[in-house]
Amino acid sequence: MERKQIKYTKGKKSPEFIANDKSMKDLCYKIDKIATTDATVLITGESGTGKEVVSRLIHHKSKRKDQPFVALNCGAISKDLVESELFGHEKGAFTGATEKKEGCFEQASGGTIFLDEIGEMELDMQVKLLRAVEQRSFRRVGGKEEIKTDVRIVAATNCNLKKAIEEGDFRKDLYYRLCVIELEIPPLRERRSDIIELADFYLKKFIKKHECEPKYFTNECGNYLRNYMWPGNVRELRNTIERTVIMCMDKEISSKFLPSEILEDCSCDEAFSDSKLNIKNPIPGSQVKIPLGISMEEAEKMLIDRTLLSVDNNKSEAAKILGFSRKTLHNKLNKYENQY
């Protein structure tokens, strides 16, 4: 099925979302399919890839869109407060509980609750969450009343939960309750065709926000953006573009306004088309910097990743460049996926 370029931008409270890369078009297709259901969703992906944006998009496209969307970062709350944040508490339940408080499950009733960084939750709290997920009911801290709630649950993590289960850090039964449907968001380095469009989107956004004169990226600057590995993913790109908009007083944004780590990481020998932002794919043979102190396996993974990027994820071509058989490359990719 042919899937056209998909853009979700602000308007009627829709979250900002840009998807031009095939993997992201596939993700959008899955979102459209599941959004109208009440199925529990687990969103996985590296930090900064946009897991909360995806969760808000699911909510916005669902029948619950006019009801509350409540987000809770499970890794940013102290262990002693997680239960209260999730389920609320009664007055006098503990020192400082001077009045009754509704938790996120109660606040989100009728809508969607988003549990971010679910992999950071302590095991004892996972047991209580499991019951709430199974029964769609809970008790406030210090309370006896069983409270029913009608919520859709969307959880997210940047951890490998299967590995956490093996190591005893995450409950298998909770994992299967949360992972009815899994959506994996690829890192930005694996969706290169989105980088320049995202950069242009944020450029316009921050020009408007900071009331600046119109600006554009030079070809050289765009080349750096296109070839940088973006370890911080879309969040790092967003912050980088905002910084350049603020710091650059010229109409042209040249590479001198980019952070040093981008300039040092990239090899910019590629040719450009005439369009300012239409940048060609990196050629095989561009430099890969391997930092000191990493293992041979980590170095090999970096080399494989960069080679795949240089050939638009063509595994047969990448295997040929690396001197592997396609089967060997496939086996290595599966191994690294399970390890990292």
Protein backbone atom coordinates (compact mmCIF):
# COMPACT_ATOMS: atom_id res chain seq x y z
CA MET A 1 0.00 0.00 0.00
CA GLU A 2 1.41 3.38 -1.02
CA ARG A 3 1.62 5.75 1.91
CA LYS A 4 2.00 9.42 1.19
CA GLN A 5 4.05 11.79 3.26
CA ILE A 6 2.28 12.34 6.56
CA LYS A 7 2.32 15.55 8.55
CA TYR A 8 0.54 16.16 11.82
CA THR A 9 0.90 19.71 13.07
CA LYS A 10 -0.79 21.84 15.69
CA GLY A 11 -4.37 22.57 15.00
CA LYS A 12 -7.36 21.55 17.09
CA LYS A 13 -4.87 20.45 19.73
CA SER A 14 -3.18 17.92 17.44
CA PRO A 15 0.44 17.27 18.42
CA GLU A 16 3.26 18.29 16.10
CA PHE A 17 4.42 15.30 14.08
CA ILE A 18 6.41 14.95 10.87
CA ALA A 19 6.90 11.65 9.08
CA ASN A 20 8.57 11.38 5.69
CA ASP A 21 10.83 8.36 6.25
CA LYS A 22 9.28 4.99 5.37
CA SER A 23 9.70 3.65 8.90
CA MET A 24 7.82 6.65 10.27
CA LYS A 25 5.07 6.34 7.65
CA ASP A 26 4.66 2.73 8.79
CA LEU A 27 4.47 3.94 12.40
CA CYS A 28 1.78 6.47 11.48
CA TYR A 29 -0.17 3.74 9.69
CA LYS A 30 -0.09 1.62 12.87
CA ILE A 31 -1.16 4.61 14.99
CA ASP A 32 -4.17 5.14 12.72
CA LYS A 33 -5.10 1.47 13.07
CA ILE A 34 -4.88 1.28 16.87
CA ALA A 35 -5.97 4.77 17.90
CA THR A 36 -9.68 4.02 17.60
CA THR A 37 -9.37 1.02 19.93
CA ASP A 38 -8.82 0.99 23.68
CA ALA A 39 -5.87 -1.40 23.49
CA THR A 40 -3.01 -0.80 25.89
CA VAL A 41 0.10 0.41 24.07
CA LEU A 42 3.81 0.22 24.91
CA ILE A 43 5.96 2.75 23.07
CA THR A 44 9.67 1.96 22.90
CA GLY A 45 12.59 3.96 21.58
CA GLU A 46 15.65 5.91 22.62
CA SER A 47 15.40 9.02 24.75
CA GLY A 48 14.36 12.04 22.73
CA THR A 49 12.69 10.16 19.86
CA GLY A 50 9.23 11.57 20.63
CA LYS A 51 7.44 8.91 22.67
CA GLU A 52 5.16 11.40 24.40
CA VAL A 53 4.35 13.04 21.05
CA VAL A 54 3.26 9.64 19.74
CA SER A 55 1.18 8.99 22.85
CA ARG A 56 -0.57 12.35 22.45
CA LEU A 57 -1.19 11.57 18.79
CA ILE A 58 -2.81 8.25 19.74
CA HIS A 59 -5.03 10.11 22.20
CA HIS A 60 -5.88 12.87 19.70
CA LYS A 61 -6.98 10.36 17.07
CA SER A 62 -9.03 8.28 19.52
CA LYS A 63 -12.64 8.54 20.64
CA ARG A 64 -11.25 9.84 23.96
CA LYS A 65 -9.71 12.97 22.40
CA ASP A 66 -12.09 15.35 24.22
CA GLN A 67 -11.28 13.74 27.58
CA PRO A 68 -8.16 14.25 29.75
CA PHE A 69 -4.66 13.22 28.70
CA VAL A 70 -2.57 12.81 31.86
CA ALA A 71 1.18 12.17 31.66
CA LEU A 72 3.37 10.89 34.49
CA ASN A 73 7.14 10.46 34.29
CA CYS A 74 7.73 7.42 36.49
CA GLY A 75 11.50 8.04 36.57
CA ALA A 76 11.24 11.64 37.77
CA ILE A 77 9.25 10.99 40.96
CA SER A 78 10.73 9.80 44.24
CA LYS A 79 9.92 6.23 45.23
CA ASP A 80 7.83 7.40 48.20
CA LEU A 81 5.53 9.54 46.05
CA VAL A 82 4.87 7.31 43.05
CA GLU A 83 1.87 5.52 44.56
CA SER A 84 0.27 8.80 45.60
CA GLU A 85 0.87 10.31 42.15
CA LEU A 86 -0.69 7.30 40.46
CA PHE A 87 -3.62 6.57 42.77
CA GLY A 88 -3.99 9.65 44.99
CA HIS A 89 -4.26 9.69 48.76
CA GLU A 90 -6.73 10.36 51.56
CA LYS A 91 -6.35 13.19 54.03
CA GLY A 92 -4.00 12.12 56.84
CA ALA A 93 -2.67 9.11 54.91
CA PHE A 94 0.90 10.22 55.67
CA THR A 95 2.77 13.21 57.02
CA GLY A 96 1.99 16.18 54.82
CA ALA A 97 -1.25 14.75 53.43
CA THR A 98 -3.37 17.64 54.63
CA GLU A 99 -6.19 17.02 52.16
CA LYS A 100 -7.51 14.38 49.82
CA LYS A 101 -5.77 14.21 46.44
CA GLU A 102 -6.78 12.54 43.19
CA GLY A 103 -4.05 10.58 41.42
CA CYS A 104 -3.36 10.30 37.71
CA PHE A 105 -5.61 7.27 37.20
CA GLU A 106 -8.53 9.20 38.65
CA GLN A 107 -7.72 12.44 36.83
CA ALA A 108 -7.49 10.62 33.50
CA SER A 109 -10.82 8.81 33.84
CA GLY A 110 -12.54 8.77 30.46
CA GLY A 111 -9.28 9.68 28.73
CA THR A 112 -5.70 8.46 28.46
CA ILE A 113 -2.95 8.01 31.03
CA PHE A 114 0.62 8.10 29.73
CA LEU A 115 3.20 6.37 31.92
CA ASP A 116 6.62 7.49 30.72
CA GLU A 117 9.87 5.76 31.71
CA ILE A 118 7.91 2.77 32.99
CA GLY A 119 11.14 0.77 33.19
CA GLU A 120 12.33 2.97 36.07
CA MET A 121 9.48 1.94 38.36
CA GLU A 122 10.41 -0.03 41.49
CA LEU A 123 9.30 -3.68 41.69
CA ASP A 124 7.00 -3.20 44.67
CA MET A 125 5.18 -0.44 42.80
CA GLN A 126 4.97 -2.59 39.69
CA VAL A 127 2.83 -5.07 41.65
CA LYS A 128 0.32 -2.35 42.52
CA LEU A 129 0.31 -0.99 39.00
CA LEU A 130 -0.29 -4.49 37.61
CA ARG A 131 -3.51 -4.76 39.64
CA ALA A 132 -4.70 -1.35 38.44
CA VAL A 133 -3.97 -2.29 34.83
CA GLU A 134 -5.78 -5.62 35.14
CA GLN A 135 -8.78 -4.45 37.13
CA ARG A 136 -8.99 -0.80 36.04
CA SER A 137 -9.54 -0.07 39.71
CA PHE A 138 -7.40 1.09 42.64
CA ARG A 139 -7.42 2.43 46.16
CA ARG A 140 -6.03 5.78 47.18
CA VAL A 141 -3.15 5.67 49.66
CA GLY A 142 -4.76 5.41 53.08
CA GLY A 143 -8.16 4.64 51.58
CA LYS A 144 -10.45 1.59 51.70
CA GLU A 145 -12.80 2.42 48.84
CA GLU A 146 -12.24 0.60 45.54
CA ILE A 147 -12.36 3.22 42.80
CA LYS A 148 -13.17 2.21 39.23
CA THR A 149 -11.62 4.17 36.39
CA ASP A 150 -12.14 4.09 32.63
CA VAL A 151 -8.73 4.91 31.16
CA ARG A 152 -6.67 3.95 28.18
CA ILE A 153 -3.11 3.15 29.25
CA VAL A 154 -0.12 4.08 27.12
CA ALA A 155 3.32 3.36 28.58
CA ALA A 156 6.77 4.20 27.26
CA THR A 157 10.35 3.24 27.93
CA ASN A 158 13.84 3.69 26.54
CA CYS A 159 14.96 0.53 28.35
CA ASN A 160 15.11 -3.02 27.01
CA LEU A 161 12.32 -4.45 29.16
CA LYS A 162 12.99 -8.04 28.10
CA LYS A 163 16.53 -7.70 29.37
CA ALA A 164 15.21 -6.06 32.56
CA ILE A 165 12.91 -9.05 33.06
CA GLU A 166 15.85 -11.44 32.72
CA GLU A 167 17.79 -9.42 35.29
CA GLY A 168 14.84 -9.36 37.70
CA ASP A 169 14.23 -5.62 37.43
CA PHE A 170 10.85 -5.75 35.68
CA ARG A 171 7.86 -8.04 36.13
CA LYS A 172 7.07 -10.30 33.21
CA ASP A 173 3.32 -10.26 33.94
CA LEU A 174 3.26 -6.45 33.92
CA TYR A 175 5.22 -6.39 30.66
CA TYR A 176 2.66 -8.58 28.92
CA ARG A 177 -0.20 -6.48 30.30
CA LEU A 178 1.37 -3.29 28.96
CA CYS A 179 2.66 -4.69 25.68
CA VAL A 180 -0.66 -5.55 24.05
CA ILE A 181 0.54 -3.45 21.13
CA GLU A 182 4.15 -2.26 20.85
CA LEU A 183 5.16 0.76 18.80
CA GLU A 184 8.88 1.23 18.30
CA ILE A 185 10.10 4.69 17.32
CA PRO A 186 13.34 4.54 15.33
CA PRO A 187 16.20 6.86 16.37
CA LEU A 188 16.71 9.94 14.25
CA ARG A 189 19.94 8.56 12.76
CA GLU A 190 17.86 5.78 11.17
CA ARG A 191 15.33 8.16 9.61
CA ARG A 192 17.69 10.49 7.76
CA SER A 193 15.10 11.65 5.26
CA ASP A 194 13.22 13.36 8.12
CA ILE A 195 16.16 15.38 9.46
CA ILE A 196 16.12 18.33 7.10
CA GLU A 197 12.34 18.58 7.10
CA LEU A 198 12.33 18.53 10.90
CA ALA A 199 15.10 21.14 10.97
CA ASP A 200 13.13 23.37 8.60
CA PHE A 201 9.97 22.87 10.68
CA TYR A 202 11.73 23.90 13.89
CA LEU A 203 13.47 26.75 12.11
CA LYS A 204 10.12 28.30 11.19
CA LYS A 205 8.70 27.53 14.62
CA PHE A 206 11.50 29.30 16.50
CA ILE A 207 11.71 32.21 14.08
CA LYS A 208 8.08 32.87 14.95
CA LYS A 209 8.56 32.22 18.67
CA HIS A 210 11.53 34.56 19.02
CA GLU A 211 10.18 37.09 16.49
CA CYS A 212 13.26 36.89 14.25
CA GLU A 213 13.74 37.82 10.62
CA PRO A 214 13.38 34.92 8.14
CA LYS A 215 16.48 32.69 7.98
CA TYR A 216 17.62 29.66 6.04
CA PHE A 217 20.33 27.02 6.33
CA THR A 218 23.31 27.10 3.99
CA ASN A 219 24.01 23.89 2.11
CA GLU A 220 27.09 23.28 4.25
CA CYS A 221 25.08 23.70 7.46
CA GLY A 222 22.37 21.41 6.15
CA ASN A 223 25.00 18.81 5.31
CA TYR A 224 26.27 18.80 8.87
CA LEU A 225 22.71 18.41 10.15
CA ARG A 226 22.06 15.57 7.72
CA ASN A 227 25.18 13.58 8.62
CA TYR A 228 25.38 14.05 12.38
CA MET A 229 24.44 10.94 14.41
CA TRP A 230 22.03 12.83 16.77
CA PRO A 231 22.50 10.76 19.94
CA GLY A 232 19.87 12.96 21.60
CA ASN A 233 17.48 12.36 18.69
CA VAL A 234 14.68 14.84 17.86
CA ARG A 235 15.02 16.59 21.21
CA GLU A 236 18.67 17.37 20.47
CA LEU A 237 17.81 18.56 16.96
CA ARG A 238 15.05 20.80 18.32
CA ASN A 239 17.35 22.40 20.89
CA THR A 240 20.11 22.84 18.29
CA ILE A 241 17.81 24.66 15.88
CA GLU A 242 16.47 26.95 18.60
CA ARG A 243 20.04 27.82 19.62
CA THR A 244 21.03 28.65 16.04
CA VAL A 245 17.96 30.84 15.54
CA ILE A 246 18.80 32.83 18.66
CA MET A 247 22.55 33.12 18.03
CA CYS A 248 22.57 33.78 14.29
CA MET A 249 21.91 37.41 13.37
CA ASP A 250 22.25 36.79 9.62
CA LYS A 251 19.70 35.52 7.15
CA GLU A 252 21.99 32.61 6.34
CA ILE A 253 22.61 30.08 9.11
CA SER A 254 26.09 28.73 8.43
CA SER A 255 27.86 25.84 10.13
CA LYS A 256 29.75 28.19 12.48
CA PHE A 257 26.56 28.48 14.55
CA LEU A 258 26.36 24.73 15.13
CA PRO A 259 27.64 23.11 18.35
CA SER A 260 31.22 21.86 18.26
CA GLU A 261 30.20 18.22 18.74
CA ILE A 262 28.30 18.32 15.43
CA LEU A 263 31.22 19.89 13.57
CA GLU A 264 33.68 17.39 15.03
CA ASP A 265 31.51 14.34 14.41
CA CYS A 266 30.67 14.87 10.75
CA SER A 267 32.52 14.38 7.52
CA CYS A 268 31.11 16.83 5.01
CA ASP A 269 32.56 15.92 1.62
CA GLU A 270 29.20 15.11 0.03
CA ALA A 271 27.79 17.00 -2.94
CA PHE A 272 24.59 19.01 -2.78
CA SER A 273 21.73 19.62 -5.11
CA ASP A 274 20.74 23.20 -5.93
CA SER A 275 18.00 23.25 -3.33
CA LYS A 276 19.17 24.66 0.01
CA LEU A 277 17.69 21.78 1.98
CA ASN A 278 17.66 18.92 -0.52
CA ILE A 279 20.72 17.06 0.68
CA LYS A 280 21.94 13.83 -0.85
CA ASN A 281 22.70 10.69 1.16
CA PRO A 282 26.21 10.29 2.53
CA ILE A 283 28.53 8.30 0.28
CA PRO A 284 30.12 5.03 1.39
CA GLY A 285 33.60 5.76 2.65
CA SER A 286 32.74 8.79 4.77
CA GLN A 287 34.63 8.87 8.06
CA VAL A 288 33.41 7.11 11.18
CA LYS A 289 34.93 8.24 14.48
CA ILE A 290 35.27 5.43 17.02
CA PRO A 291 35.69 6.81 20.54
CA LEU A 292 38.38 5.33 22.77
CA GLY A 293 37.23 3.13 25.61
CA ILE A 294 34.44 1.24 23.84
CA SER A 295 34.45 -2.49 23.14
CA MET A 296 35.09 -4.11 19.76
CA GLU A 297 31.42 -5.12 19.59
CA GLU A 298 30.31 -1.53 20.20
CA ALA A 299 32.74 -0.29 17.54
CA GLU A 300 31.46 -2.89 15.08
CA LYS A 301 27.89 -1.85 15.79
CA MET A 302 28.75 1.80 15.11
CA LEU A 303 30.42 0.85 11.83
CA ILE A 304 27.45 -1.27 10.75
CA ASP A 305 24.98 1.48 11.67
CA ARG A 306 26.92 4.12 9.74
CA THR A 307 27.31 1.87 6.71
CA LEU A 308 23.57 1.16 6.65
CA LEU A 309 22.89 4.89 6.84
CA SER A 310 25.19 5.53 3.90
CA VAL A 311 23.21 3.17 1.65
CA ASP A 312 19.67 4.05 2.80
CA ASN A 313 19.43 0.89 4.91
CA ASN A 314 20.04 -1.39 1.92
CA LYS A 315 21.26 -4.47 3.80
CA SER A 316 22.58 -6.25 0.72
CA GLU A 317 24.67 -3.24 -0.26
CA ALA A 318 25.86 -2.70 3.33
CA ALA A 319 26.89 -6.34 3.65
CA LYS A 320 28.86 -6.05 0.41
CA ILE A 321 30.70 -2.94 1.65
CA LEU A 322 31.46 -4.54 5.04
CA GLY A 323 32.57 -7.84 3.54
CA PHE A 324 29.82 -9.85 5.25
CA SER A 325 27.23 -12.14 3.79
CA ARG A 326 23.71 -10.74 4.10
CA LYS A 327 22.88 -13.55 6.55
CA THR A 328 25.87 -12.63 8.74
CA LEU A 329 24.80 -8.98 8.75
CA HIS A 330 21.27 -9.99 9.67
CA ASN A 331 22.55 -12.14 12.55
CA LYS A 332 24.76 -9.33 13.85
CA LEU A 333 21.86 -6.86 13.74
CA ASN A 334 19.66 -9.25 15.69
CA LYS A 335 22.43 -9.79 18.24
CA TYR A 336 23.02 -6.07 18.78
CA GLU A 337 19.29 -5.41 19.00
CA ASN A 338 19.06 -7.82 21.92
CA GLN A 339 22.19 -6.49 23.61
CA TYR A 340 21.66 -2.73 23.45
